[in-house]
């Protein structure tokens, strides 16, 4: 199934943080916080301004972004846990990290 968000909505896949600290201590699942970093999977066409013109989105699929801890709505699409949020919920794009996160 393909999913296309509407207006200024963005679909984000959370990027899981490391399960070990730099010192080698393993962090149990109960002590982990939800990651606030993710990869943009899909974006809508953009919001409309007061004149009715579509304002282009600043993020694109593949961007690595930071978002608020309680941002977005959690959904499951094709068995994968994803977040749907407005573009304004995204705090910023992490430059040059898109390729580094995929090992």
PDB file of N, CA and C in Angstrom:
ATOM      1  N   UNK A   1       0.842  -1.180   0.000  1.00  0.00           N
ATOM      2  CA  UNK A   1       0.000   0.000   0.000  1.00  0.00           C
ATOM      3  C   UNK A   1       0.887   1.243   0.000  1.00  0.00           C
ATOM      4  N   UNK A   2       0.561   2.195  -0.831  1.00  0.00           N
ATOM      5  CA  UNK A   2       1.256   3.474  -0.843  1.00  0.00           C
ATOM      6  C   UNK A   2       0.429   4.470  -0.044  1.00  0.00           C
ATOM      7  N   UNK A   3       1.127   5.363   0.655  1.00  0.00           N
ATOM      8  CA  UNK A   3       0.454   6.372   1.464  1.00  0.00           C
ATOM      9  C   UNK A   3       1.003   7.733   1.099  1.00  0.00           C
ATOM     10  N   UNK A   4       0.114   8.677   0.778  1.00  0.00           N
ATOM     11  CA  UNK A   4       0.513  10.043   0.442  1.00  0.00           C
ATOM     12  C   UNK A   4      -0.171  10.990   1.410  1.00  0.00           C
ATOM     13  N   UNK A   5       0.608  11.687   2.252  1.00  0.00           N
ATOM     14  CA  UNK A   5       0.006  12.629   3.189  1.00  0.00           C
ATOM     15  C   UNK A   5      -0.575  13.849   2.468  1.00  0.00           C
ATOM     16  N   UNK A   6      -1.560  14.463   3.091  1.00  0.00           N
ATOM     17  CA  UNK A   6      -2.207  15.630   2.508  1.00  0.00           C
ATOM     18  C   UNK A   6      -1.638  16.924   3.102  1.00  0.00           C
ATOM     19  N   UNK A   7      -1.775  17.985   2.343  1.00  0.00           N
ATOM     20  CA  UNK A   7      -1.418  19.346   2.754  1.00  0.00           C
ATOM     21  C   UNK A   7       0.011  19.430   3.295  1.00  0.00           C
ATOM     22  N   UNK A   8       0.187  19.938   4.525  1.00  0.00           N
ATOM     23  CA  UNK A   8       1.544  20.121   5.067  1.00  0.00           C
ATOM     24  C   UNK A   8       1.899  19.009   6.058  1.00  0.00           C
ATOM     25  N   UNK A   9       1.382  17.814   5.821  1.00  0.00           N
ATOM     26  CA  UNK A   9       1.685  16.667   6.678  1.00  0.00           C
ATOM     27  C   UNK A   9       2.934  15.943   6.178  1.00  0.00           C
ATOM     28  N   UNK A  10       3.645  15.301   7.128  1.00  0.00           N
ATOM     29  CA  UNK A  10       4.887  14.586   6.840  1.00  0.00           C
ATOM     30  C   UNK A  10       4.819  13.225   7.528  1.00  0.00           C
ATOM     31  N   UNK A  11       5.271  12.169   6.835  1.00  0.00           N
ATOM     32  CA  UNK A  11       5.361  10.836   7.431  1.00  0.00           C
ATOM     33  C   UNK A  11       6.821  10.601   7.804  1.00  0.00           C
ATOM     34  N   UNK A  12       7.065  10.237   9.083  1.00  0.00           N
ATOM     35  CA  UNK A  12       8.426  10.086   9.599  1.00  0.00           C
ATOM     36  C   UNK A  12       8.598   8.700  10.216  1.00  0.00           C
ATOM     37  N   UNK A  13       9.728   8.081   9.933  1.00  0.00           N
ATOM     38  CA  UNK A  13      10.116   6.811  10.563  1.00  0.00           C
ATOM     39  C   UNK A  13      11.126   7.140  11.653  1.00  0.00           C
ATOM     40  N   UNK A  14      10.830   6.746  12.896  1.00  0.00           N
ATOM     41  CA  UNK A  14      11.764   7.003  14.001  1.00  0.00           C
ATOM     42  C   UNK A  14      13.068   6.265  13.765  1.00  0.00           C
ATOM     43  N   UNK A  15      14.185   6.903  14.112  1.00  0.00           N
ATOM     44  CA  UNK A  15      15.500   6.261  14.066  1.00  0.00           C
ATOM     45  C   UNK A  15      15.836   5.871  15.496  1.00  0.00           C
ATOM     46  N   UNK A  16      15.965   4.577  15.717  1.00  0.00           N
ATOM     47  CA  UNK A  16      16.229   4.066  17.063  1.00  0.00           C
ATOM     48  C   UNK A  16      17.628   4.455  17.512  1.00  0.00           C
ATOM     49  N   UNK A  17      17.750   4.808  18.785  1.00  0.00           N
ATOM     50  CA  UNK A  17      19.047   5.175  19.339  1.00  0.00           C
ATOM     51  C   UNK A  17      19.803   3.909  19.731  1.00  0.00           C
ATOM     52  N   UNK A  18      21.083   4.081  20.041  1.00  0.00           N
ATOM     53  CA  UNK A  18      21.926   2.951  20.430  1.00  0.00           C
ATOM     54  C   UNK A  18      21.409   2.317  21.712  1.00  0.00           C
ATOM     55  N   UNK A  19      21.608   0.995  21.835  1.00  0.00           N
ATOM     56  CA  UNK A  19      21.196   0.284  23.036  1.00  0.00           C
ATOM     57  C   UNK A  19      22.316   0.225  24.060  1.00  0.00           C
ATOM     58  N   UNK A  20      23.482   0.778  23.700  1.00  0.00           N
ATOM     59  CA  UNK A  20      24.626   0.797  24.615  1.00  0.00           C
ATOM     60  C   UNK A  20      25.153   2.204  24.760  1.00  0.00           C
ATOM     61  N   UNK A  21      25.646   2.516  25.943  1.00  0.00           N
ATOM     62  CA  UNK A  21      26.294   3.807  26.159  1.00  0.00           C
ATOM     63  C   UNK A  21      27.724   3.720  25.634  1.00  0.00           C
ATOM     64  N   UNK A  22      28.420   4.851  25.457  1.00  0.00           N
ATOM     65  CA  UNK A  22      29.813   4.804  25.012  1.00  0.00           C
ATOM     66  C   UNK A  22      30.712   3.983  25.951  1.00  0.00           C
ATOM     67  N   UNK A  23      30.321   3.898  27.223  1.00  0.00           N
ATOM     68  CA  UNK A  23      31.104   3.125  28.197  1.00  0.00           C
ATOM     69  C   UNK A  23      30.811   1.633  28.159  1.00  0.00           C
ATOM     70  N   UNK A  24      29.819   1.211  27.351  1.00  0.00           N
ATOM     71  CA  UNK A  24      29.516  -0.203  27.207  1.00  0.00           C
ATOM     72  C   UNK A  24      28.349  -0.693  28.048  1.00  0.00           C
ATOM     73  N   UNK A  25      27.666   0.197  28.740  1.00  0.00           N
ATOM     74  CA  UNK A  25      26.523  -0.197  29.560  1.00  0.00           C
ATOM     75  C   UNK A  25      25.313  -0.377  28.644  1.00  0.00           C
ATOM     76  N   UNK A  26      24.634  -1.509  28.776  1.00  0.00           N
ATOM     77  CA  UNK A  26      23.458  -1.793  27.956  1.00  0.00           C
ATOM     78  C   UNK A  26      22.237  -1.145  28.609  1.00  0.00           C
ATOM     79  N   UNK A  27      21.479  -0.404  27.790  1.00  0.00           N
ATOM     80  CA  UNK A  27      20.296   0.296  28.278  1.00  0.00           C
ATOM     81  C   UNK A  27      19.078  -0.610  28.048  1.00  0.00           C
ATOM     82  N   UNK A  28      18.347  -0.983  29.108  1.00  0.00           N
ATOM     83  CA  UNK A  28      17.166  -1.831  28.922  1.00  0.00           C
ATOM     84  C   UNK A  28      16.029  -1.063  28.249  1.00  0.00           C
ATOM     85  N   UNK A  29      15.112  -1.796  27.611  1.00  0.00           N
ATOM     86  CA  UNK A  29      13.999  -1.162  26.903  1.00  0.00           C
ATOM     87  C   UNK A  29      13.146  -0.297  27.820  1.00  0.00           C
ATOM     88  N   UNK A  30      13.016  -0.673  29.080  1.00  0.00           N
ATOM     89  CA  UNK A  30      12.171   0.090  30.001  1.00  0.00           C
ATOM     90  C   UNK A  30      12.768   1.448  30.343  1.00  0.00           C
ATOM     91  N   UNK A  31      14.076   1.608  30.187  1.00  0.00           N
ATOM     92  CA  UNK A  31      14.741   2.873  30.523  1.00  0.00           C
ATOM     93  C   UNK A  31      14.921   3.781  29.311  1.00  0.00           C
ATOM     94  N   UNK A  32      14.636   3.277  28.116  1.00  0.00           N
ATOM     95  CA  UNK A  32      14.825   4.077  26.902  1.00  0.00           C
ATOM     96  C   UNK A  32      13.704   5.089  26.750  1.00  0.00           C
ATOM     97  N   UNK A  33      14.064   6.226  26.186  1.00  0.00           N
ATOM     98  CA  UNK A  33      13.060   7.221  25.819  1.00  0.00           C
ATOM     99  C   UNK A  33      12.772   7.078  24.338  1.00  0.00           C
ATOM    100  N   UNK A  34      11.620   7.592  23.915  1.00  0.00           N
ATOM    101  CA  UNK A  34      11.294   7.552  22.495  1.00  0.00           C
ATOM    102  C   UNK A  34      12.278   8.441  21.755  1.00  0.00           C
ATOM    103  N   UNK A  35      12.808   7.952  20.635  1.00  0.00           N
ATOM    104  CA  UNK A  35      13.736   8.792  19.862  1.00  0.00           C
ATOM    105  C   UNK A  35      13.036  10.035  19.321  1.00  0.00           C
ATOM    106  N   UNK A  36      13.769  11.126  19.283  1.00  0.00           N
ATOM    107  CA  UNK A  36      13.241  12.374  18.743  1.00  0.00           C
ATOM    108  C   UNK A  36      13.883  12.671  17.392  1.00  0.00           C
ATOM    109  N   UNK A  37      14.431  11.664  16.786  1.00  0.00           N
ATOM    110  CA  UNK A  37      15.092  11.804  15.490  1.00  0.00           C
ATOM    111  C   UNK A  37      14.444  10.805  14.547  1.00  0.00           C
ATOM    112  N   UNK A  38      14.289  11.207  13.289  1.00  0.00           N
ATOM    113  CA  UNK A  38      13.656  10.313  12.340  1.00  0.00           C
ATOM    114  C   UNK A  38      14.024  10.644  10.912  1.00  0.00           C
ATOM    115  N   UNK A  39      13.584   9.761  10.015  1.00  0.00           N
ATOM    116  CA  UNK A  39      13.810   9.943   8.588  1.00  0.00           C
ATOM    117  C   UNK A  39      12.463  10.188   7.924  1.00  0.00           C
ATOM    118  N   UNK A  40      12.398  11.212   7.095  1.00  0.00           N
ATOM    119  CA  UNK A  40      11.159  11.549   6.389  1.00  0.00           C
ATOM    120  C   UNK A  40      10.912  10.488   5.317  1.00  0.00           C
ATOM    121  N   UNK A  41       9.725   9.890   5.353  1.00  0.00           N
ATOM    122  CA  UNK A  41       9.352   8.848   4.391  1.00  0.00           C
ATOM    123  C   UNK A  41       8.565   9.447   3.233  1.00  0.00           C
ATOM    124  N   UNK A  42       7.611  10.344   3.555  1.00  0.00           N
ATOM    125  CA  UNK A  42       6.790  10.966   2.516  1.00  0.00           C
ATOM    126  C   UNK A  42       6.340  12.336   2.991  1.00  0.00           C
ATOM    127  N   UNK A  43       6.103  13.237   2.042  1.00  0.00           N
ATOM    128  CA  UNK A  43       5.620  14.587   2.364  1.00  0.00           C
ATOM    129  C   UNK A  43       4.427  14.919   1.480  1.00  0.00           C
ATOM    130  N   UNK A  44       3.551  15.763   2.012  1.00  0.00           N
ATOM    131  CA  UNK A  44       2.411  16.227   1.233  1.00  0.00           C
ATOM    132  C   UNK A  44       2.831  17.345   0.289  1.00  0.00           C
ATOM    133  N   UNK A  45       1.906  17.842  -0.507  1.00  0.00           N
ATOM    134  CA  UNK A  45       2.234  18.888  -1.487  1.00  0.00           C
ATOM    135  C   UNK A  45       2.524  20.239  -0.860  1.00  0.00           C
ATOM    136  N   UNK A  46       2.021  20.504   0.339  1.00  0.00           N
ATOM    137  CA  UNK A  46       2.237  21.785   1.008  1.00  0.00           C
ATOM    138  C   UNK A  46       0.927  22.425   1.410  1.00  0.00           C
ATOM    139  N   UNK A  47       1.025  23.402   2.293  1.00  0.00           N
ATOM    140  CA  UNK A  47      -0.157  24.108   2.781  1.00  0.00           C
ATOM    141  C   UNK A  47      -0.514  25.225   1.798  1.00  0.00           C
ATOM    142  N   UNK A  48      -1.720  25.741   1.952  1.00  0.00           N
ATOM    143  CA  UNK A  48      -2.148  26.861   1.117  1.00  0.00           C
ATOM    144  C   UNK A  48      -2.074  28.155   1.924  1.00  0.00           C
ATOM    145  N   UNK A  49      -1.624  29.220   1.267  1.00  0.00           N
ATOM    146  CA  UNK A  49      -1.580  30.517   1.935  1.00  0.00           C
ATOM    147  C   UNK A  49      -2.942  31.202   1.819  1.00  0.00           C
ATOM    148  N   UNK A  50      -3.024  32.440   2.277  1.00  0.00           N
ATOM    149  CA  UNK A  50      -4.304  33.166   2.281  1.00  0.00           C
ATOM    150  C   UNK A  50      -4.850  33.418   0.884  1.00  0.00           C
ATOM    151  N   UNK A  51      -3.945  33.479  -0.098  1.00  0.00           N
ATOM    152  CA  UNK A  51      -4.376  33.711  -1.479  1.00  0.00           C
ATOM    153  C   UNK A  51      -4.755  32.412  -2.190  1.00  0.00           C
ATOM    154  N   UNK A  52      -4.581  31.273  -1.525  1.00  0.00           N
ATOM    155  CA  UNK A  52      -4.926  29.990  -2.132  1.00  0.00           C
ATOM    156  C   UNK A  52      -3.782  29.319  -2.865  1.00  0.00           C
ATOM    157  N   UNK A  53      -2.584  29.919  -2.824  1.00  0.00           N
ATOM    158  CA  UNK A  53      -1.429  29.328  -3.498  1.00  0.00           C
ATOM    159  C   UNK A  53      -0.783  28.272  -2.602  1.00  0.00           C
ATOM    160  N   UNK A  54      -0.282  27.204  -3.207  1.00  0.00           N
ATOM    161  CA  UNK A  54       0.380  26.138  -2.454  1.00  0.00           C
ATOM    162  C   UNK A  54       1.791  26.587  -2.089  1.00  0.00           C
ATOM    163  N   UNK A  55       2.120  26.505  -0.788  1.00  0.00           N
ATOM    164  CA  UNK A  55       3.456  26.850  -0.297  1.00  0.00           C
ATOM    165  C   UNK A  55       4.254  25.546  -0.221  1.00  0.00           C
ATOM    166  N   UNK A  56       5.361  25.483  -0.949  1.00  0.00           N
ATOM    167  CA  UNK A  56       6.163  24.259  -1.021  1.00  0.00           C
ATOM    168  C   UNK A  56       6.720  23.879   0.347  1.00  0.00           C
ATOM    169  N   UNK A  57       6.938  22.582   0.541  1.00  0.00           N
ATOM    170  CA  UNK A  57       7.472  22.065   1.803  1.00  0.00           C
ATOM    171  C   UNK A  57       8.988  22.274   1.850  1.00  0.00           C
ATOM    172  N   UNK A  58       9.526  22.469   3.058  1.00  0.00           N
ATOM    173  CA  UNK A  58      10.964  22.638   3.246  1.00  0.00           C
ATOM    174  C   UNK A  58      11.687  21.307   3.384  1.00  0.00           C
ATOM    175  N   UNK A  59      10.966  20.251   3.769  1.00  0.00           N
ATOM    176  CA  UNK A  59      11.590  18.929   3.918  1.00  0.00           C
ATOM    177  C   UNK A  59      11.207  18.055   2.742  1.00  0.00           C
ATOM    178  N   UNK A  60      12.005  17.019   2.519  1.00  0.00           N
ATOM    179  CA  UNK A  60      11.723  16.075   1.436  1.00  0.00           C
ATOM    180  C   UNK A  60      12.001  14.661   1.928  1.00  0.00           C
ATOM    181  N   UNK A  61      11.511  13.680   1.219  1.00  0.00           N
ATOM    182  CA  UNK A  61      11.730  12.282   1.595  1.00  0.00           C
ATOM    183  C   UNK A  61      13.228  12.010   1.662  1.00  0.00           C
ATOM    184  N   UNK A  62      13.642  11.318   2.702  1.00  0.00           N
ATOM    185  CA  UNK A  62      15.058  11.000   2.896  1.00  0.00           C
ATOM    186  C   UNK A  62      15.769  11.923   3.867  1.00  0.00           C
ATOM    187  N   UNK A  63      15.180  13.090   4.180  1.00  0.00           N
ATOM    188  CA  UNK A  63      15.794  14.009   5.146  1.00  0.00           C
ATOM    189  C   UNK A  63      15.771  13.397   6.537  1.00  0.00           C
ATOM    190  N   UNK A  64      16.812  13.660   7.301  1.00  0.00           N
ATOM    191  CA  UNK A  64      16.875  13.237   8.699  1.00  0.00           C
ATOM    192  C   UNK A  64      16.512  14.452   9.540  1.00  0.00           C
ATOM    193  N   UNK A  65      15.488  14.312  10.407  1.00  0.00           N
ATOM    194  CA  UNK A  65      14.934  15.459  11.108  1.00  0.00           C
ATOM    195  C   UNK A  65      14.855  15.219  12.618  1.00  0.00           C
ATOM    196  N   UNK A  66      14.776  16.326  13.357  1.00  0.00           N
ATOM    197  CA  UNK A  66      14.501  16.299  14.794  1.00  0.00           C
ATOM    198  C   UNK A  66      13.094  16.834  15.004  1.00  0.00           C
ATOM    199  N   UNK A  67      12.364  16.223  15.938  1.00  0.00           N
ATOM    200  CA  UNK A  67      11.012  16.664  16.233  1.00  0.00           C
ATOM    201  C   UNK A  67      10.768  16.589  17.730  1.00  0.00           C
ATOM    202  N   UNK A  68       9.708  17.211  18.181  1.00  0.00           N
ATOM    203  CA  UNK A  68       9.373  17.231  19.600  1.00  0.00           C
ATOM    204  C   UNK A  68       9.029  15.850  20.129  1.00  0.00           C
ATOM    205  N   UNK A  69       9.224  15.663  21.419  1.00  0.00           N
ATOM    206  CA  UNK A  69       9.016  14.354  22.053  1.00  0.00           C
ATOM    207  C   UNK A  69       7.594  13.837  21.868  1.00  0.00           C
ATOM    208  N   UNK A  70       6.615  14.709  21.929  1.00  0.00           N
ATOM    209  CA  UNK A  70       5.215  14.277  21.839  1.00  0.00           C
ATOM    210  C   UNK A  70       4.580  14.697  20.517  1.00  0.00           C
ATOM    211  N   UNK A  71       5.387  14.949  19.497  1.00  0.00           N
ATOM    212  CA  UNK A  71       4.868  15.389  18.198  1.00  0.00           C
ATOM    213  C   UNK A  71       4.268  14.231  17.411  1.00  0.00           C
ATOM    214  N   UNK A  72       3.295  14.561  16.602  1.00  0.00           N
ATOM    215  CA  UNK A  72       2.759  13.614  15.643  1.00  0.00           C
ATOM    216  C   UNK A  72       1.784  12.599  16.206  1.00  0.00           C
ATOM    217  N   UNK A  73       1.237  11.825  15.290  1.00  0.00           N
ATOM    218  CA  UNK A  73       0.305  10.754  15.596  1.00  0.00           C
ATOM    219  C   UNK A  73       0.936   9.448  15.151  1.00  0.00           C
ATOM    220  N   UNK A  74       1.011   8.482  16.054  1.00  0.00           N
ATOM    221  CA  UNK A  74       1.611   7.202  15.720  1.00  0.00           C
ATOM    222  C   UNK A  74       0.601   6.360  14.940  1.00  0.00           C
ATOM    223  N   UNK A  75       1.054   5.805  13.812  1.00  0.00           N
ATOM    224  CA  UNK A  75       0.225   4.938  12.974  1.00  0.00           C
ATOM    225  C   UNK A  75       1.042   3.731  12.559  1.00  0.00           C
ATOM    226  N   UNK A  76       0.352   2.691  12.125  1.00  0.00           N
ATOM    227  CA  UNK A  76       1.017   1.506  11.616  1.00  0.00           C
ATOM    228  C   UNK A  76       0.582   1.340  10.166  1.00  0.00           C
ATOM    229  N   UNK A  77       1.540   1.430   9.240  1.00  0.00           N
ATOM    230  CA  UNK A  77       1.260   1.282   7.822  1.00  0.00           C
ATOM    231  C   UNK A  77       2.107   0.125   7.304  1.00  0.00           C
ATOM    232  N   UNK A  78       1.458  -0.869   6.728  1.00  0.00           N
ATOM    233  CA  UNK A  78       2.140  -2.072   6.233  1.00  0.00           C
ATOM    234  C   UNK A  78       3.003  -2.718   7.314  1.00  0.00           C
ATOM    235  N   UNK A  79       2.522  -2.723   8.555  1.00  0.00           N
ATOM    236  CA  UNK A  79       3.240  -3.353   9.654  1.00  0.00           C
ATOM    237  C   UNK A  79       4.391  -2.542  10.213  1.00  0.00           C
ATOM    238  N   UNK A  80       4.595  -1.339   9.728  1.00  0.00           N
ATOM    239  CA  UNK A  80       5.698  -0.487  10.187  1.00  0.00           C
ATOM    240  C   UNK A  80       5.145   0.673  11.009  1.00  0.00           C
ATOM    241  N   UNK A  81       5.749   0.912  12.184  1.00  0.00           N
ATOM    242  CA  UNK A  81       5.329   2.021  13.036  1.00  0.00           C
ATOM    243  C   UNK A  81       5.893   3.327  12.489  1.00  0.00           C
ATOM    244  N   UNK A  82       5.011   4.263  12.170  1.00  0.00           N
ATOM    245  CA  UNK A  82       5.407   5.555  11.609  1.00  0.00           C
ATOM    246  C   UNK A  82       4.703   6.675  12.367  1.00  0.00           C
ATOM    247  N   UNK A  83       5.162   7.894  12.141  1.00  0.00           N
ATOM    248  CA  UNK A  83       4.537   9.087  12.716  1.00  0.00           C
ATOM    249  C   UNK A  83       4.033   9.969  11.579  1.00  0.00           C
ATOM    250  N   UNK A  84       2.855  10.544  11.773  1.00  0.00           N
ATOM    251  CA  UNK A  84       2.348  11.554  10.839  1.00  0.00           C
ATOM    252  C   UNK A  84       2.262  12.851  11.630  1.00  0.00           C
ATOM    253  N   UNK A  85       2.935  13.886  11.128  1.00  0.00           N
ATOM    254  CA  UNK A  85       2.946  15.174  11.822  1.00  0.00           C
ATOM    255  C   UNK A  85       2.898  16.303  10.813  1.00  0.00           C
ATOM    256  N   UNK A  86       2.570  17.479  11.303  1.00  0.00           N
ATOM    257  CA  UNK A  86       2.625  18.669  10.449  1.00  0.00           C
ATOM    258  C   UNK A  86       4.083  19.100  10.304  1.00  0.00           C
ATOM    259  N   UNK A  87       4.372  19.771   9.221  1.00  0.00           N
ATOM    260  CA  UNK A  87       5.743  20.239   8.990  1.00  0.00           C
ATOM    261  C   UNK A  87       6.188  21.181  10.108  1.00  0.00           C
ATOM    262  N   UNK A  88       5.270  21.915  10.692  1.00  0.00           N
ATOM    263  CA  UNK A  88       5.626  22.854  11.758  1.00  0.00           C
ATOM    264  C   UNK A  88       6.064  22.144  13.039  1.00  0.00           C
ATOM    265  N   UNK A  89       5.750  20.833  13.190  1.00  0.00           N
ATOM    266  CA  UNK A  89       6.198  20.058  14.354  1.00  0.00           C
ATOM    267  C   UNK A  89       7.665  19.656  14.247  1.00  0.00           C
ATOM    268  N   UNK A  90       8.231  19.766  13.058  1.00  0.00           N
ATOM    269  CA  UNK A  90       9.635  19.408  12.854  1.00  0.00           C
ATOM    270  C   UNK A  90      10.496  20.585  13.299  1.00  0.00           C
ATOM    271  N   UNK A  91      11.460  20.294  14.178  1.00  0.00           N
ATOM    272  CA  UNK A  91      12.319  21.344  14.726  1.00  0.00           C
ATOM    273  C   UNK A  91      13.439  21.728  13.772  1.00  0.00           C
ATOM    274  N   UNK A  92      13.932  20.767  12.992  1.00  0.00           N
ATOM    275  CA  UNK A  92      15.008  21.072  12.061  1.00  0.00           C
ATOM    276  C   UNK A  92      15.479  19.842  11.320  1.00  0.00           C
ATOM    277  N   UNK A  93      16.278  20.081  10.285  1.00  0.00           N
ATOM    278  CA  UNK A  93      16.847  19.014   9.461  1.00  0.00           C
ATOM    279  C   UNK A  93      18.308  18.842   9.858  1.00  0.00           C
ATOM    280  N   UNK A  94      18.737  17.597  10.037  1.00  0.00           N
ATOM    281  CA  UNK A  94      20.134  17.311  10.352  1.00  0.00           C
ATOM    282  C   UNK A  94      20.876  17.187   9.024  1.00  0.00           C
ATOM    283  N   UNK A  95      21.740  18.158   8.735  1.00  0.00           N
ATOM    284  CA  UNK A  95      22.453  18.206   7.462  1.00  0.00           C
ATOM    285  C   UNK A  95      23.581  17.180   7.425  1.00  0.00           C
ATOM    286  N   UNK A  96      23.731  16.513   6.300  1.00  0.00           N
ATOM    287  CA  UNK A  96      24.844  15.587   6.079  1.00  0.00           C
ATOM    288  C   UNK A  96      24.765  14.303   6.865  1.00  0.00           C
ATOM    289  N   UNK A  97      23.639  14.027   7.515  1.00  0.00           N
ATOM    290  CA  UNK A  97      23.524  12.824   8.331  1.00  0.00           C
ATOM    291  C   UNK A  97      22.663  11.756   7.692  1.00  0.00           C
ATOM    292  N   UNK A  98      22.047  12.033   6.551  1.00  0.00           N
ATOM    293  CA  UNK A  98      21.123  11.077   5.944  1.00  0.00           C
ATOM    294  C   UNK A  98      21.825   9.773   5.581  1.00  0.00           C
ATOM    295  N   UNK A  99      23.006   9.850   5.043  1.00  0.00           N
ATOM    296  CA  UNK A  99      23.731   8.641   4.652  1.00  0.00           C
ATOM    297  C   UNK A  99      24.412   7.978   5.845  1.00  0.00           C
ATOM    298  N   UNK A 100      24.814   8.775   6.828  1.00  0.00           N
ATOM    299  CA  UNK A 100      25.537   8.244   7.986  1.00  0.00           C
ATOM    300  C   UNK A 100      24.658   7.349   8.847  1.00  0.00           C
ATOM    301  N   UNK A 101      23.338   7.594   8.879  1.00  0.00           N
ATOM    302  CA  UNK A 101      22.445   6.820   9.714  1.00  0.00           C
ATOM    303  C   UNK A 101      22.178   5.436   9.183  1.00  0.00           C
ATOM    304  N   UNK A 102      22.443   5.183   7.917  1.00  0.00           N
ATOM    305  CA  UNK A 102      22.169   3.888   7.306  1.00  0.00           C
ATOM    306  C   UNK A 102      23.459   3.098   7.215  1.00  0.00           C
ATOM    307  N   UNK A 103      23.635   2.181   8.172  1.00  0.00           N
ATOM    308  CA  UNK A 103      24.836   1.342   8.164  1.00  0.00           C
ATOM    309  C   UNK A 103      24.477  -0.073   7.862  1.00  0.00           C
TER     310      UNK A 103
END
